[in-house]
N, C-alpha and C. Protein backbone atom coordinates (compact mmCIF):
# COMPACT_ATOMS: atom_id res chain seq x y z
N MET A 1 77.16 16.95 67.37
CA MET A 1 76.88 17.67 67.09
C MET A 1 75.51 17.20 66.90
N ASN A 2 74.62 16.39 66.98
CA ASN A 2 73.83 16.21 67.36
C ASN A 2 72.88 16.66 68.59
N LYS A 3 73.92 16.27 69.43
CA LYS A 3 73.89 18.09 71.21
C LYS A 3 73.81 18.49 71.55
N LYS A 4 74.62 19.76 70.06
CA LYS A 4 74.43 21.03 69.99
C LYS A 4 72.62 21.49 69.66
N ILE A 5 72.13 20.79 68.78
CA ILE A 5 71.52 20.52 67.96
C ILE A 5 70.17 21.19 68.05
N LEU A 6 70.39 19.21 68.87
CA LEU A 6 69.29 18.78 70.32
C LEU A 6 68.80 20.27 71.21
N LEU A 7 69.69 20.64 71.29
CA LEU A 7 70.15 21.92 72.72
C LEU A 7 69.58 22.96 71.87
N PHE A 8 69.98 23.43 71.09
CA PHE A 8 69.45 24.93 69.90
C PHE A 8 67.99 24.77 70.11
N LEU A 9 67.05 23.54 69.29
CA LEU A 9 65.29 22.83 69.66
C LEU A 9 65.24 22.83 70.67
N LEU A 10 65.60 22.22 71.77
CA LEU A 10 64.86 22.98 72.53
C LEU A 10 64.92 24.28 73.79
N ILE A 11 65.93 24.59 73.36
CA ILE A 11 65.88 26.41 73.82
C ILE A 11 64.68 27.50 73.20
N PHE A 12 64.55 26.86 71.45
CA PHE A 12 64.01 27.63 70.83
C PHE A 12 63.39 26.91 70.89
N LEU A 13 62.34 25.43 70.66
CA LEU A 13 60.65 26.26 71.91
C LEU A 13 60.43 26.15 72.74
N ILE A 14 61.66 26.11 74.15
CA ILE A 14 60.59 26.78 75.03
C ILE A 14 60.89 28.15 75.15
N ILE A 15 61.29 28.83 74.22
CA ILE A 15 60.68 30.41 73.33
C ILE A 15 60.11 30.51 72.84
N ILE A 16 59.39 29.41 71.93
CA ILE A 16 58.12 29.85 71.59
C ILE A 16 57.27 29.51 72.49
N VAL A 17 56.80 28.78 73.38
CA VAL A 17 55.86 28.29 74.58
C VAL A 17 56.10 29.30 75.86
N LEU A 18 57.54 30.13 75.29
CA LEU A 18 57.04 32.03 76.81
C LEU A 18 56.63 32.50 75.62
N ILE A 19 56.64 33.05 74.59
CA ILE A 19 56.14 33.52 73.45
C ILE A 19 54.80 33.28 73.38
N ILE A 20 54.15 31.55 73.39
CA ILE A 20 52.82 31.86 73.46
C ILE A 20 51.96 32.31 74.17
N VAL A 21 52.78 32.03 75.94
CA VAL A 21 52.55 31.30 77.14
C VAL A 21 52.14 33.07 77.07
N TYR A 22 52.66 33.94 77.05
CA TYR A 22 53.52 35.62 76.67
C TYR A 22 52.01 35.60 76.25
N SER A 23 51.76 35.90 75.08
CA SER A 23 50.24 36.00 74.28
C SER A 23 49.38 35.80 74.23
N ALA A 24 48.85 34.68 74.83
CA ALA A 24 47.39 34.02 75.64
C ALA A 24 47.24 35.38 76.89
N LYS A 25 48.28 35.21 77.63
CA LYS A 25 48.63 36.31 79.50
C LYS A 25 47.67 37.65 78.32
N GLY A 26 48.54 37.74 77.57
CA GLY A 26 48.47 39.07 77.35
C GLY A 26 47.08 39.36 76.38
N HIS A 27 46.66 38.45 75.34
CA HIS A 27 45.58 38.94 75.01
C HIS A 27 44.22 38.45 76.14
N ASN A 28 44.26 38.62 77.00
CA ASN A 28 43.65 37.53 78.30
C ASN A 28 42.95 38.38 78.70
N GLN A 29 44.25 39.73 79.38
CA GLN A 29 43.58 40.59 79.76
C GLN A 29 43.33 41.80 79.09
N SER A 30 43.40 41.97 77.68
CA SER A 30 42.33 43.29 76.99
C SER A 30 40.65 42.50 76.15
N GLU A 31 40.44 41.43 76.77
CA GLU A 31 39.33 41.08 77.00
C GLU A 31 38.91 41.45 77.38
N PHE A 32 36.57 41.96 76.95
CA PHE A 32 36.01 42.78 77.46
C PHE A 32 34.92 41.83 78.16
N VAL A 33 34.72 41.57 79.47
CA VAL A 33 33.51 41.30 79.45
C VAL A 33 32.17 42.05 78.97
N ARG A 34 30.99 41.39 78.40
CA ARG A 34 29.59 42.38 77.75
C ARG A 34 28.80 42.13 79.05
N VAL A 35 28.77 43.82 79.04
CA VAL A 35 26.74 43.44 79.20
C VAL A 35 25.79 44.32 79.01
N TYR A 36 24.61 43.76 78.89
CA TYR A 36 23.99 44.18 77.88
C TYR A 36 23.02 44.51 78.54
N GLY A 37 23.13 46.31 79.12
CA GLY A 37 22.05 47.12 80.17
C GLY A 37 22.29 47.81 81.11
N ILE A 38 22.91 48.01 81.58
CA ILE A 38 23.40 49.31 82.73
C ILE A 38 23.13 49.00 83.86
N GLU A 39 21.56 49.26 83.64
CA GLU A 39 21.19 47.67 84.92
C GLU A 39 21.38 46.74 85.33
N ASN A 40 22.06 46.01 84.70
CA ASN A 40 22.15 44.85 84.02
C ASN A 40 24.00 44.54 84.98
N PHE A 41 24.64 45.44 84.94
CA PHE A 41 25.66 46.19 85.46
C PHE A 41 26.19 45.92 87.62
N SER A 42 25.92 44.55 87.65
CA SER A 42 26.00 44.71 88.93
C SER A 42 27.28 43.66 89.56
N PRO A 43 27.24 43.85 91.06
CA PRO A 43 27.93 43.10 92.10
C PRO A 43 27.82 41.61 91.66
N GLU A 44 26.55 41.14 91.91
CA GLU A 44 25.62 39.88 91.24
C GLU A 44 26.33 39.32 89.97
N THR A 45 25.98 40.41 89.31
CA THR A 45 26.36 40.12 87.93
C THR A 45 27.52 39.91 87.31
N VAL A 46 28.48 40.51 87.65
CA VAL A 46 30.45 40.70 86.66
C VAL A 46 30.66 40.30 87.78
N GLN A 47 30.37 39.79 89.26
CA GLN A 47 31.45 39.15 90.29
C GLN A 47 32.48 40.19 90.07
N GLY A 48 32.60 41.48 90.72
CA GLY A 48 33.52 42.35 90.69
C GLY A 48 34.41 41.44 92.15
N THR A 49 36.02 42.47 91.81
CA THR A 49 37.38 41.95 92.67
C THR A 49 37.85 42.89 93.35
N GLY A 50 37.35 44.03 92.81
CA GLY A 50 38.95 45.55 92.66
C GLY A 50 38.38 46.11 93.37
N ASP A 51 39.33 47.25 93.71
CA ASP A 51 38.28 48.60 94.68
C ASP A 51 37.58 49.82 94.42
N TYR A 52 38.14 49.66 92.80
CA TYR A 52 37.35 50.52 92.14
C TYR A 52 36.76 50.22 90.88
N PHE A 53 35.21 51.32 89.93
CA PHE A 53 34.42 51.39 89.01
C PHE A 53 34.95 52.81 88.63
N LEU A 54 36.08 52.16 87.22
CA LEU A 54 35.67 53.81 85.99
C LEU A 54 35.10 53.29 84.99
N ILE A 55 34.40 54.66 85.34
CA ILE A 55 33.77 54.63 83.74
C ILE A 55 33.09 55.84 82.53
N TYR A 56 33.66 55.25 82.05
CA TYR A 56 33.50 55.81 80.83
C TYR A 56 32.89 55.83 79.88
N PRO A 57 31.42 56.78 79.99
CA PRO A 57 30.56 56.40 79.48
C PRO A 57 30.25 56.50 77.76
N ARG A 58 29.53 55.76 77.06
CA ARG A 58 29.36 55.55 75.75
C ARG A 58 28.88 57.61 74.59
N ASP A 59 29.84 57.66 74.26
CA ASP A 59 30.41 58.74 73.01
C ASP A 59 30.02 58.88 71.63
N LEU A 60 29.10 59.07 71.61
CA LEU A 60 28.53 59.34 69.98
C LEU A 60 30.15 59.81 68.87
N ARG A 61 30.53 61.19 70.22
CA ARG A 61 31.57 61.65 69.09
C ARG A 61 32.49 61.74 69.06
N VAL A 62 32.56 59.67 69.49
CA VAL A 62 34.63 59.51 69.52
C VAL A 62 34.21 57.97 69.16
N SER A 63 32.66 57.56 68.72
CA SER A 63 32.27 56.78 67.84
C SER A 63 32.65 55.43 68.80
N GLN A 64 32.20 55.94 69.71
CA GLN A 64 32.50 54.77 71.08
C GLN A 64 30.74 54.75 70.95
N ASP A 65 30.01 53.53 70.88
CA ASP A 65 28.94 52.65 71.11
C ASP A 65 28.35 52.29 72.09
N PHE A 66 29.26 52.37 73.58
CA PHE A 66 29.05 51.30 73.98
C PHE A 66 30.04 52.28 76.07
N THR A 67 29.77 51.48 76.53
CA THR A 67 30.09 51.59 78.03
C THR A 67 30.88 51.35 78.85
N LEU A 68 32.44 52.04 78.54
CA LEU A 68 33.47 51.62 78.94
C LEU A 68 33.22 50.98 80.56
N VAL A 69 33.40 49.81 81.21
CA VAL A 69 34.52 50.38 82.56
C VAL A 69 35.40 48.87 82.85
N LYS A 70 36.47 50.13 83.84
CA LYS A 70 37.66 49.59 84.34
C LYS A 70 37.75 48.42 85.54
N GLU A 71 37.56 47.80 86.02
CA GLU A 71 37.48 47.72 87.49
C GLU A 71 39.03 47.82 87.94
N VAL A 72 39.39 48.49 88.75
CA VAL A 72 40.74 48.35 89.15
C VAL A 72 41.06 48.29 90.83
N GLU A 73 42.17 47.81 90.58
CA GLU A 73 42.99 48.05 92.18
C GLU A 73 43.28 49.22 92.17
N LYS A 74 43.64 48.89 94.23
CA LYS A 74 44.35 50.43 94.44
C LYS A 74 45.36 51.28 94.42
N SER A 75 45.97 49.64 93.52
CA SER A 75 46.64 50.40 92.94
C SER A 75 46.76 50.87 91.56
N GLY A 76 45.81 51.20 90.82
CA GLY A 76 46.25 51.08 89.82
C GLY A 76 45.71 50.22 89.24
N LYS A 77 46.02 48.70 89.35
CA LYS A 77 45.64 47.54 88.28
C LYS A 77 44.60 47.40 87.57
N VAL A 78 43.81 47.23 86.54
CA VAL A 78 43.05 46.71 85.58
C VAL A 78 42.82 45.55 86.10
N ILE A 79 41.85 45.34 87.28
CA ILE A 79 41.63 43.07 86.74
C ILE A 79 40.82 42.80 85.65
N ARG A 80 40.00 44.40 85.50
CA ARG A 80 39.09 43.24 84.23
C ARG A 80 38.68 44.30 83.25
N LYS A 81 37.97 44.38 82.56
CA LYS A 81 37.09 45.89 81.51
C LYS A 81 35.61 45.11 81.25
N TYR A 82 34.77 46.11 80.77
CA TYR A 82 33.70 45.72 80.08
C TYR A 82 33.24 46.66 79.21
N LYS A 83 32.19 46.11 78.24
CA LYS A 83 31.68 47.03 77.36
C LYS A 83 30.28 46.38 77.94
N ILE A 84 30.20 47.99 78.31
CA ILE A 84 28.17 47.72 78.44
C ILE A 84 28.10 48.52 77.54
N PHE A 85 26.22 47.98 76.83
CA PHE A 85 25.75 48.23 75.59
C PHE A 85 23.92 48.83 76.11
N ASP A 86 24.09 49.73 75.95
CA ASP A 86 22.84 50.74 76.74
C ASP A 86 22.44 51.53 76.05
N GLY A 87 21.76 51.37 74.60
CA GLY A 87 21.45 53.07 73.97
C GLY A 87 20.84 54.42 75.05
N GLU A 88 20.42 54.32 76.05
CA GLU A 88 19.59 55.30 77.08
C GLU A 88 21.06 55.31 77.37
N PHE A 89 22.24 55.53 77.60
CA PHE A 89 23.84 55.87 78.92
C PHE A 89 24.22 55.62 78.23
N SER A 90 24.49 57.63 78.45
CA SER A 90 26.15 58.22 77.41
C SER A 90 26.87 58.79 78.37
N ARG A 91 27.02 59.93 78.01
CA ARG A 91 27.86 61.44 78.28
C ARG A 91 27.16 61.87 79.74
N MET A 92 27.07 61.70 80.80
CA MET A 92 26.53 61.76 82.05
C MET A 92 26.93 63.41 82.65
N LEU A 93 25.54 63.40 83.69
CA LEU A 93 26.65 64.06 84.94
C LEU A 93 25.94 64.20 86.20
N PRO A 94 26.46 63.51 87.32
CA PRO A 94 26.38 62.53 87.93
C PRO A 94 26.27 63.69 89.54
N HIS A 95 24.95 63.46 90.01
CA HIS A 95 25.31 64.89 90.72
C HIS A 95 25.07 63.68 92.78
N GLN A 96 24.74 63.70 93.42
CA GLN A 96 25.16 63.88 94.75
C GLN A 96 24.98 65.10 96.11
N LYS A 97 23.30 64.61 96.89
CA LYS A 97 23.37 65.37 97.64
C LYS A 97 23.79 64.70 98.75
N PRO A 98 24.44 65.76 99.89
CA PRO A 98 24.39 65.94 100.86
C PRO A 98 23.25 65.08 101.31
N ASN A 99 22.37 65.32 101.70
CA ASN A 99 21.83 64.36 102.62
C ASN A 99 20.98 63.23 101.71
N ASN A 100 22.04 62.29 101.44
CA ASN A 100 21.44 61.07 100.55
C ASN A 100 22.72 60.65 99.78
N MET A 101 23.96 60.54 100.71
CA MET A 101 24.82 60.17 100.21
C MET A 101 25.35 58.93 99.27
N ASN A 102 24.09 58.49 99.76
CA ASN A 102 24.29 57.06 98.89
C ASN A 102 23.88 56.79 97.91
N GLN A 103 23.30 58.06 97.40
CA GLN A 103 22.60 57.26 95.85
C GLN A 103 23.48 59.17 95.32
N LEU A 104 23.28 58.75 93.98
CA LEU A 104 23.92 59.74 92.76
C LEU A 104 22.81 59.34 92.23
N TYR A 105 22.96 60.87 91.18
CA TYR A 105 21.50 60.92 90.20
C TYR A 105 22.33 61.04 89.41
N ILE A 106 21.92 61.26 87.74
CA ILE A 106 22.52 60.80 86.59
C ILE A 106 21.06 61.47 85.43
N SER A 107 22.11 62.20 85.22
CA SER A 107 21.53 63.08 83.80
C SER A 107 22.22 63.03 82.76
N PHE A 108 21.96 63.44 81.55
CA PHE A 108 22.67 63.10 79.97
C PHE A 108 23.13 64.20 79.56
N PHE A 109 23.95 64.72 77.95
CA PHE A 109 24.08 66.01 77.70
C PHE A 109 25.11 65.30 76.55
N GLY A 110 24.49 66.06 75.53
CA GLY A 110 25.50 65.87 73.60
C GLY A 110 24.51 65.16 73.50
N ASP A 111 23.20 64.74 73.69
CA ASP A 111 23.59 63.49 72.60
C ASP A 111 21.83 64.31 71.61
N THR A 112 21.29 63.41 70.31
CA THR A 112 20.07 63.89 70.32
C THR A 112 19.30 63.41 70.71
N ALA A 113 19.08 62.96 70.78
CA ALA A 113 17.76 62.22 71.66
C ALA A 113 17.07 62.73 72.72
N ILE A 114 16.07 63.38 72.78
CA ILE A 114 15.41 63.62 74.14
C ILE A 114 14.56 63.06 75.07
N ASP A 115 15.04 62.36 76.12
CA ASP A 115 13.98 61.54 76.70
C ASP A 115 13.72 61.76 78.12
N ASN A 116 12.76 61.30 78.62
CA ASN A 116 12.15 61.50 79.95
C ASN A 116 12.20 60.16 80.85
N TYR A 117 14.17 60.12 81.45
CA TYR A 117 13.90 59.63 82.27
C TYR A 117 15.57 60.33 83.08
N TYR A 118 15.99 59.65 83.72
CA TYR A 118 17.45 59.91 84.43
C TYR A 118 17.51 58.14 84.93
N PHE A 119 18.72 58.50 85.95
CA PHE A 119 19.05 56.98 86.01
C PHE A 119 20.07 57.54 88.02
N THR A 120 19.59 56.73 88.77
CA THR A 120 20.17 56.45 89.78
C THR A 120 21.65 55.49 89.74
N TYR A 121 22.20 55.79 90.65
CA TYR A 121 23.23 54.56 90.75
C TYR A 121 23.22 54.34 92.83
N ASP A 122 22.89 53.02 92.63
CA ASP A 122 22.62 52.69 94.67
C ASP A 122 23.97 52.70 94.98
N ILE A 123 25.41 53.73 95.42
CA ILE A 123 26.78 52.77 96.26
C ILE A 123 27.19 52.01 96.80
N PRO A 124 26.51 51.43 97.80
CA PRO A 124 26.58 50.51 98.70
C PRO A 124 25.65 49.24 97.94
N LYS A 125 24.81 49.36 96.96
CA LYS A 125 24.99 48.23 96.28
C LYS A 125 25.37 47.68 94.69
N LYS A 126 26.38 48.93 94.34
CA LYS A 126 27.21 49.64 93.21
C LYS A 126 26.13 48.71 92.07
N SER A 127 24.92 48.74 92.15
CA SER A 127 23.78 49.37 91.02
C SER A 127 23.15 50.35 90.18
N PHE A 128 22.63 50.49 89.09
CA PHE A 128 22.64 51.78 88.28
C PHE A 128 20.10 51.30 88.18
N LYS A 129 19.61 52.23 88.41
CA LYS A 129 17.93 52.48 88.12
C LYS A 129 18.22 52.93 87.27
N LYS A 130 17.59 52.52 85.92
CA LYS A 130 16.37 53.93 85.17
C LYS A 130 15.45 54.57 86.01
N VAL A 131 15.15 56.18 85.56
CA VAL A 131 13.41 56.69 86.22
C VAL A 131 13.58 56.70 85.23
N ASN A 132 11.91 56.94 84.71
CA ASN A 132 11.62 57.01 83.52
C ASN A 132 10.44 58.41 84.75
N VAL A 133 9.96 59.68 83.79
CA VAL A 133 9.89 60.54 84.38
C VAL A 133 8.15 60.39 82.70
N ASP A 134 7.18 60.27 84.05
CA ASP A 134 6.04 60.20 82.22
C ASP A 134 4.53 61.23 83.06
N TYR A 135 5.52 61.58 84.11
CA TYR A 135 3.96 62.68 84.00
C TYR A 135 4.17 64.23 83.14
N PHE A 136 4.92 64.21 81.61
CA PHE A 136 4.91 65.81 81.14
C PHE A 136 3.73 65.33 79.58
N ASN A 137 3.73 66.11 78.79
CA ASN A 137 2.39 65.40 77.74
C ASN A 137 3.86 65.85 76.54
N PHE A 138 5.03 66.13 76.97
CA PHE A 138 6.03 65.75 75.95
C PHE A 138 6.93 65.54 76.63
N ASP A 139 8.09 65.04 75.33
CA ASP A 139 9.16 64.29 75.64
C ASP A 139 10.23 65.77 76.28
N VAL A 140 10.73 66.32 77.11
CA VAL A 140 11.01 67.24 77.35
C VAL A 140 12.73 67.30 77.37
N GLY A 141 13.59 66.30 77.41
CA GLY A 141 14.92 66.43 78.01
C GLY A 141 15.31 66.14 79.09
N ILE A 142 15.18 65.30 80.03
CA ILE A 142 16.26 65.93 81.22
C ILE A 142 17.90 66.57 81.57
N ASP A 143 17.46 67.64 81.49
CA ASP A 143 19.08 68.66 81.72
C ASP A 143 20.07 68.51 82.27
N HIS A 144 19.59 68.59 83.91
CA HIS A 144 20.07 67.87 84.49
C HIS A 144 19.47 67.95 85.88
N LEU A 145 19.86 67.62 87.12
CA LEU A 145 18.83 66.45 88.34
C LEU A 145 20.42 67.26 89.57
N MET A 146 20.87 68.72 88.99
CA MET A 146 21.71 69.28 90.00
C MET A 146 21.06 69.95 91.04
N HIS A 147 20.42 69.35 92.38
CA HIS A 147 20.28 69.88 93.41
C HIS A 147 20.44 69.50 94.73
N TYR A 148 19.13 69.87 95.78
CA TYR A 148 19.83 69.63 97.13
C TYR A 148 18.33 69.45 97.50
N GLY A 149 18.06 68.60 98.65
CA GLY A 149 16.62 68.95 99.82
C GLY A 149 17.01 67.34 99.08
N ASN A 150 15.03 66.46 99.45
CA ASN A 150 14.46 66.00 99.74
C ASN A 150 13.73 65.15 97.85
N ASP A 151 13.40 66.71 97.90
CA ASP A 151 12.99 66.18 96.23
C ASP A 151 13.35 65.91 95.12
N ILE A 152 13.20 65.38 94.67
CA ILE A 152 13.97 65.23 93.52
C ILE A 152 13.21 66.29 92.00
N ILE A 153 14.15 67.25 91.66
CA ILE A 153 13.86 68.02 91.05
C ILE A 153 15.06 68.48 89.91
N LEU A 154 13.69 68.86 88.94
CA LEU A 154 15.43 68.70 87.62
C LEU A 154 14.62 69.52 86.81
N GLN A 155 15.52 69.93 85.59
CA GLN A 155 15.50 70.87 84.81
C GLN A 155 15.21 70.04 83.46
N THR A 156 14.26 71.03 82.48
CA THR A 156 14.15 70.20 81.05
C THR A 156 14.92 70.76 79.56
N ILE A 157 15.04 70.87 78.82
CA ILE A 157 15.95 71.32 78.04
C ILE A 157 14.68 72.13 77.05
N MET A 158 13.76 71.72 77.13
CA MET A 158 12.49 71.58 76.48
C MET A 158 10.73 72.27 77.20
N SER A 159 10.24 73.37 77.45
CA SER A 159 9.16 73.80 77.83
C SER A 159 8.48 72.18 77.95
N HIS A 160 8.14 72.21 79.31
CA HIS A 160 6.99 71.65 79.41
C HIS A 160 5.66 71.53 78.72
N LYS A 161 5.27 73.08 78.68
CA LYS A 161 4.00 73.52 78.38
C LYS A 161 3.72 73.28 76.44
N THR A 162 5.40 73.77 75.71
CA THR A 162 4.41 73.48 74.92
C THR A 162 6.00 72.07 73.69
N GLY A 163 6.21 71.85 74.56
CA GLY A 163 7.57 70.36 74.50
C GLY A 163 8.51 71.00 72.91
N ASP A 164 8.38 72.44 72.74
CA ASP A 164 9.83 73.12 72.06
C ASP A 164 10.31 74.13 73.03
N GLN A 165 11.89 73.89 72.33
CA GLN A 165 12.39 74.82 72.69
C GLN A 165 12.15 76.45 73.15
N ASN A 166 12.08 76.43 73.95
CA ASN A 166 11.41 78.73 73.64
C ASN A 166 12.73 79.87 72.64
N TYR A 167 12.03 80.38 71.90
CA TYR A 167 13.67 80.80 72.32
C TYR A 167 12.88 82.42 71.55
N ASN A 168 12.97 83.79 72.42
CA ASN A 168 12.92 85.53 72.32
C ASN A 168 13.82 85.78 71.42
N GLU A 169 13.38 85.95 70.42
CA GLU A 169 14.12 86.98 69.27
C GLU A 169 14.24 88.36 70.41
N LYS A 170 13.52 88.87 70.36
CA LYS A 170 13.32 90.25 71.65
C LYS A 170 14.37 89.87 72.47
N ILE A 171 13.84 89.27 73.66
CA ILE A 171 14.63 89.28 74.49
C ILE A 171 15.73 88.66 74.01
N GLY A 172 15.88 88.15 73.24
CA GLY A 172 17.20 87.19 72.84
C GLY A 172 17.88 86.32 73.48
N GLY A 173 16.68 85.93 74.77
CA GLY A 173 16.45 83.70 75.28
C GLY A 173 16.31 83.33 75.46
N HIS A 174 15.97 82.12 75.77
CA HIS A 174 15.33 80.92 76.04
C HIS A 174 14.98 80.64 76.78
N ASN A 175 13.87 80.06 77.65
CA ASN A 175 13.10 79.50 78.66
C ASN A 175 13.17 78.15 79.20
N VAL A 176 13.53 77.74 80.04
CA VAL A 176 12.92 75.99 80.39
C VAL A 176 12.11 75.80 80.97
N SER A 177 11.78 74.88 82.01
CA SER A 177 11.14 74.60 82.98
C SER A 177 12.03 73.78 84.00
N ILE A 178 11.34 74.20 85.16
CA ILE A 178 11.69 73.63 86.45
C ILE A 178 10.97 72.69 86.43
N SER A 179 11.66 70.84 87.45
CA SER A 179 10.30 70.76 87.70
C SER A 179 10.97 69.32 88.69
N ASN A 180 9.63 69.38 89.99
CA ASN A 180 9.51 68.43 90.92
C ASN A 180 9.06 67.04 90.96
N ALA A 181 9.88 66.52 90.58
CA ALA A 181 9.46 64.81 90.18
C ALA A 181 8.45 64.00 91.08
N THR A 182 9.13 64.15 92.33
CA THR A 182 8.42 63.76 93.03
C THR A 182 6.93 64.60 93.64
N THR A 183 7.03 65.88 93.87
CA THR A 183 5.10 66.21 93.28
C THR A 183 4.32 66.48 91.91
N LYS A 184 5.20 66.44 91.07
CA LYS A 184 5.17 66.65 89.73
C LYS A 184 4.33 67.39 89.84
N LYS A 185 4.41 68.68 89.51
CA LYS A 185 4.31 69.59 89.31
C LYS A 185 5.25 70.65 88.85
N SER A 186 5.48 71.64 87.35
CA SER A 186 6.06 72.44 87.45
C SER A 186 5.92 73.67 86.64
N PHE A 187 7.24 74.42 86.33
CA PHE A 187 6.69 75.20 86.39
C PHE A 187 7.91 76.09 85.32
N GLU A 188 7.47 76.78 84.48
CA GLU A 188 8.10 78.07 83.50
C GLU A 188 9.04 78.52 83.73
N THR A 189 10.29 78.64 83.17
CA THR A 189 11.38 80.36 84.05
C THR A 189 10.51 81.57 82.94
N GLU A 190 11.44 83.01 83.17
CA GLU A 190 10.84 83.91 82.31
C GLU A 190 11.89 83.66 81.28
N TYR A 191 12.41 84.14 79.87
CA TYR A 191 12.92 83.92 79.75
C TYR A 191 14.29 84.92 79.64
N ARG A 192 15.40 84.08 79.77
CA ARG A 192 16.70 84.58 79.70
C ARG A 192 17.16 84.39 81.62
N ARG A 193 16.43 84.09 82.48
CA ARG A 193 16.13 83.67 83.83
C ARG A 193 16.34 82.59 83.86
N SER A 194 16.74 80.99 82.89
CA SER A 194 16.96 79.50 83.34
C SER A 194 18.29 79.53 84.40
N PRO A 195 18.46 78.30 85.36
CA PRO A 195 19.18 78.72 86.36
C PRO A 195 20.56 78.30 85.04
N LEU A 196 21.46 78.96 86.16
CA LEU A 196 23.17 78.58 85.52
C LEU A 196 23.18 77.30 85.30
N PHE A 197 24.82 76.84 85.16
CA PHE A 197 25.38 75.70 85.42
C PHE A 197 25.46 74.78 86.39
N ALA A 198 24.42 75.43 87.27
CA ALA A 198 25.17 74.70 89.22
C ALA A 198 23.32 74.04 90.05
N PRO A 199 23.37 74.00 90.73
CA PRO A 199 22.36 72.65 91.84
C PRO A 199 21.68 73.88 91.15
N ILE A 200 20.64 73.70 91.69
CA ILE A 200 18.58 74.90 91.38
C ILE A 200 18.80 75.11 92.93
């Protein structure tokens, strides 16, 4: 009888140990590496070993106040997850120019802040960099950087002349500014003549 009780207790302990090990393993997989500032997210700081980074930018519409990054292998297995806290990095529009395939230009949309900056992502170095656009007299909001050529061309949400989102009731349309960040020259489009959502 004592042998049966000891065997039962041994099996019970083994099951408990297995449950604890399994729970601990699952718990470790769900933990996040915290990174403060998107510019601090780089292979040097995160020791990435995966094949891909899947980026889910901060989105206040769904109460996600951080950028989620999943580091995955080619098989799809998630190796590591990162929470990146950066109030200046949110829903993004990446663009890759054919004459500079090693860099992405990133502008933002949908947030309430109207700021004068964009980000670049260096593909070989796997690192982000904030680029301030400091030659405007107003906060104009960088709408998108979808363009080709050697210069950095951007479209603004507000007029660079007035700092407002101009609307003409008679014509029924807005105008925006197009700016060359390389030469620091800008011009205002005619009403209802702003570029479509396509490369400038």
